[in-house]
Amino acid sequence: MDRIKIGKAGEEEACGYLKNKGYTIVAQNFRCRHGEVDIVATQGEDLVFIEVKTRNNRNFGRPCEAVGWKKQRHIQKTAMFYLTKYGSVEMNVRFDVVEVEKEGIHHIENAFPYQMF
């Protein structure tokens, strides 16, 4: 299976996992000029922007290690665009990472802080 198919399968698996935990999926693969967010969801009063990382092995480390400061910044800018267009910059915002591996799913809530630019 190629990388794109693996990534899409991981995102679908992550959506199912999040729904089972009570999240409501608002958008998938939201794109704007700043970047892309894999999943936008709500949990209670929180609007959650979620990056999904899928790996077949750990040859290159844990999946979450691929979400460095540059990727975080793109996600945050994309979130700000989303909030400006569809929500409110006053909403409770959180950034999570979901790791999808053969061994299972690991959900990291508040994986990195929200910084306004």
C-alpha atoms as a PDB file:
ATOM      1  CA  MET A   1       0.000   0.000   0.000  1.00  0.00           C
ATOM      2  CA  ASP A   2       1.401   3.433  -0.870  1.00  0.00           C
ATOM      3  CA  ARG A   3       1.882   6.292   1.616  1.00  0.00           C
ATOM      4  CA  ILE A   4      -1.272   8.153   0.579  1.00  0.00           C
ATOM      5  CA  LYS A   5      -3.488   5.081   1.029  1.00  0.00           C
ATOM      6  CA  ILE A   6      -1.842   4.284   4.370  1.00  0.00           C
ATOM      7  CA  GLY A   7      -2.433   7.866   5.524  1.00  0.00           C
ATOM      8  CA  LYS A   8      -6.087   7.876   4.431  1.00  0.00           C
ATOM      9  CA  ALA A   9      -6.695   4.517   6.121  1.00  0.00           C
ATOM     10  CA  GLY A  10      -5.115   5.868   9.308  1.00  0.00           C
ATOM     11  CA  GLU A  11      -7.307   8.976   9.220  1.00  0.00           C
ATOM     12  CA  GLU A  12     -10.437   6.857   8.846  1.00  0.00           C
ATOM     13  CA  GLU A  13      -9.330   4.647  11.736  1.00  0.00           C
ATOM     14  CA  ALA A  14      -8.661   7.762  13.833  1.00  0.00           C
ATOM     15  CA  CYS A  15     -12.129   9.158  13.028  1.00  0.00           C
ATOM     16  CA  GLY A  16     -13.770   5.938  14.202  1.00  0.00           C
ATOM     17  CA  TYR A  17     -11.692   5.975  17.375  1.00  0.00           C
ATOM     18  CA  LEU A  18     -12.585   9.616  18.099  1.00  0.00           C
ATOM     19  CA  LYS A  19     -16.299   9.051  17.453  1.00  0.00           C
ATOM     20  CA  ASN A  20     -16.222   6.137  19.914  1.00  0.00           C
ATOM     21  CA  LYS A  21     -14.721   8.526  22.491  1.00  0.00           C
ATOM     22  CA  GLY A  22     -17.623  10.954  22.008  1.00  0.00           C
ATOM     23  CA  TYR A  23     -16.049  13.428  19.601  1.00  0.00           C
ATOM     24  CA  THR A  24     -18.091  14.941  16.788  1.00  0.00           C
ATOM     25  CA  ILE A  25     -16.177  15.138  13.512  1.00  0.00           C
ATOM     26  CA  VAL A  26     -16.744  18.571  11.957  1.00  0.00           C
ATOM     27  CA  ALA A  27     -14.338  18.378   8.997  1.00  0.00           C
ATOM     28  CA  GLN A  28     -11.712  16.137   7.467  1.00  0.00           C
ATOM     29  CA  ASN A  29      -8.722  17.307   5.451  1.00  0.00           C
ATOM     30  CA  PHE A  30      -9.533  20.998   5.883  1.00  0.00           C
ATOM     31  CA  ARG A  31      -7.243  22.971   3.565  1.00  0.00           C
ATOM     32  CA  CYS A  32      -6.417  26.617   3.134  1.00  0.00           C
ATOM     33  CA  ARG A  33      -3.416  28.605   1.918  1.00  0.00           C
ATOM     34  CA  HIS A  34      -1.644  28.028   5.252  1.00  0.00           C
ATOM     35  CA  GLY A  35      -1.831  24.247   5.210  1.00  0.00           C
ATOM     36  CA  GLU A  36      -4.081  21.344   6.093  1.00  0.00           C
ATOM     37  CA  VAL A  37      -5.593  19.857   9.227  1.00  0.00           C
ATOM     38  CA  ASP A  38      -6.470  16.169   9.083  1.00  0.00           C
ATOM     39  CA  ILE A  39      -9.475  16.300  11.421  1.00  0.00           C
ATOM     40  CA  VAL A  40     -11.470  19.110  13.017  1.00  0.00           C
ATOM     41  CA  ALA A  41     -13.708  17.849  15.818  1.00  0.00           C
ATOM     42  CA  THR A  42     -15.598  19.002  18.866  1.00  0.00           C
ATOM     43  CA  GLN A  43     -15.442  17.510  22.334  1.00  0.00           C
ATOM     44  CA  GLY A  44     -17.760  19.262  24.722  1.00  0.00           C
ATOM     45  CA  GLU A  45     -16.937  22.976  24.532  1.00  0.00           C
ATOM     46  CA  ASP A  46     -13.579  22.407  22.829  1.00  0.00           C
ATOM     47  CA  LEU A  47     -12.817  22.712  19.141  1.00  0.00           C
ATOM     48  CA  VAL A  48     -10.018  20.242  18.476  1.00  0.00           C
ATOM     49  CA  PHE A  49      -7.614  20.320  15.535  1.00  0.00           C
ATOM     50  CA  ILE A  50      -6.123  16.871  15.091  1.00  0.00           C
ATOM     51  CA  GLU A  51      -3.055  15.729  13.188  1.00  0.00           C
ATOM     52  CA  VAL A  52      -3.035  12.015  12.372  1.00  0.00           C
ATOM     53  CA  LYS A  53       0.254  10.200  11.873  1.00  0.00           C
ATOM     54  CA  THR A  54       0.196   6.626  10.622  1.00  0.00           C
ATOM     55  CA  ARG A  55       3.222   4.328  10.613  1.00  0.00           C
ATOM     56  CA  ASN A  56       3.845   0.683   9.749  1.00  0.00           C
ATOM     57  CA  ASN A  57       6.995   0.610  11.881  1.00  0.00           C
ATOM     58  CA  ARG A  58       9.149   2.794  14.098  1.00  0.00           C
ATOM     59  CA  ASN A  59      12.233   2.896  11.881  1.00  0.00           C
ATOM     60  CA  PHE A  60      11.969   6.684  11.938  1.00  0.00           C
ATOM     61  CA  GLY A  61      10.750   7.057  15.536  1.00  0.00           C
ATOM     62  CA  ARG A  62       7.294   7.511  16.967  1.00  0.00           C
ATOM     63  CA  PRO A  63       4.676   8.971  14.626  1.00  0.00           C
ATOM     64  CA  CYS A  64       4.195  12.072  16.805  1.00  0.00           C
ATOM     65  CA  GLU A  65       7.867  12.955  16.348  1.00  0.00           C
ATOM     66  CA  ALA A  66       7.005  13.920  12.760  1.00  0.00           C
ATOM     67  CA  VAL A  67       4.945  16.856  14.082  1.00  0.00           C
ATOM     68  CA  GLY A  68       7.760  19.350  14.567  1.00  0.00           C
ATOM     69  CA  TRP A  69       7.527  23.085  15.175  1.00  0.00           C
ATOM     70  CA  LYS A  70       7.080  23.897  11.462  1.00  0.00           C
ATOM     71  CA  LYS A  71       4.161  21.502  11.128  1.00  0.00           C
ATOM     72  CA  GLN A  72       2.694  22.814  14.391  1.00  0.00           C
ATOM     73  CA  ARG A  73       2.897  26.374  13.084  1.00  0.00           C
ATOM     74  CA  HIS A  74       1.118  25.423   9.830  1.00  0.00           C
ATOM     75  CA  ILE A  75      -1.608  23.655  11.804  1.00  0.00           C
ATOM     76  CA  GLN A  76      -2.032  26.670  14.100  1.00  0.00           C
ATOM     77  CA  LYS A  77      -2.270  29.107  11.174  1.00  0.00           C
ATOM     78  CA  THR A  78      -4.777  26.824   9.472  1.00  0.00           C
ATOM     79  CA  ALA A  79      -6.771  26.684  12.716  1.00  0.00           C
ATOM     80  CA  MET A  80      -6.808  30.490  12.941  1.00  0.00           C
ATOM     81  CA  PHE A  81      -8.112  30.665   9.360  1.00  0.00           C
ATOM     82  CA  TYR A  82     -10.779  28.073  10.214  1.00  0.00           C
ATOM     83  CA  LEU A  83     -11.826  29.990  13.337  1.00  0.00           C
ATOM     84  CA  THR A  84     -12.027  33.260  11.435  1.00  0.00           C
ATOM     85  CA  LYS A  85     -14.151  31.703   8.697  1.00  0.00           C
ATOM     86  CA  TYR A  86     -16.357  29.251  10.608  1.00  0.00           C
ATOM     87  CA  GLY A  87     -16.122  29.928  14.313  1.00  0.00           C
ATOM     88  CA  SER A  88     -14.833  32.411  16.783  1.00  0.00           C
ATOM     89  CA  VAL A  89     -11.302  33.165  17.891  1.00  0.00           C
ATOM     90  CA  GLU A  90     -12.758  33.116  21.421  1.00  0.00           C
ATOM     91  CA  MET A  91     -13.499  29.371  21.302  1.00  0.00           C
ATOM     92  CA  ASN A  92     -11.625  26.861  23.440  1.00  0.00           C
ATOM     93  CA  VAL A  93      -9.066  25.414  21.045  1.00  0.00           C
ATOM     94  CA  ARG A  94      -6.892  22.356  21.462  1.00  0.00           C
ATOM     95  CA  PHE A  95      -4.326  20.610  19.277  1.00  0.00           C
ATOM     96  CA  ASP A  96      -4.114  16.827  19.441  1.00  0.00           C
ATOM     97  CA  VAL A  97      -2.061  14.198  17.663  1.00  0.00           C
ATOM     98  CA  VAL A  98      -3.389  10.713  16.971  1.00  0.00           C
ATOM     99  CA  GLU A  99      -0.799   8.029  16.271  1.00  0.00           C
ATOM    100  CA  VAL A 100      -2.058   5.042  14.288  1.00  0.00           C
ATOM    101  CA  GLU A 101       0.218   2.002  14.316  1.00  0.00           C
ATOM    102  CA  LYS A 102      -0.155  -1.758  13.926  1.00  0.00           C
ATOM    103  CA  GLU A 103      -0.136  -2.036  17.726  1.00  0.00           C
ATOM    104  CA  GLY A 104      -3.089   0.329  18.042  1.00  0.00           C
ATOM    105  CA  ILE A 105      -4.026   3.975  18.422  1.00  0.00           C
ATOM    106  CA  HIS A 106      -2.408   6.437  20.809  1.00  0.00           C
ATOM    107  CA  HIS A 107      -4.201   9.759  21.310  1.00  0.00           C
ATOM    108  CA  ILE A 108      -2.138  12.671  22.615  1.00  0.00           C
ATOM    109  CA  GLU A 109      -4.435  15.437  23.862  1.00  0.00           C
ATOM    110  CA  ASN A 110      -2.965  18.945  24.063  1.00  0.00           C
ATOM    111  CA  ALA A 111       0.029  17.754  22.047  1.00  0.00           C
ATOM    112  CA  PHE A 112       1.221  21.334  21.620  1.00  0.00           C
ATOM    113  CA  PRO A 113       0.064  24.759  22.846  1.00  0.00           C
ATOM    114  CA  TYR A 114      -2.059  27.254  20.939  1.00  0.00           C
ATOM    115  CA  GLN A 115       0.001  30.283  19.981  1.00  0.00           C
ATOM    116  CA  MET A 116      -1.630  33.181  18.150  1.00  0.00           C
ATOM    117  CA  PHE A 117       0.437  34.831  15.437  1.00  0.00           C
END
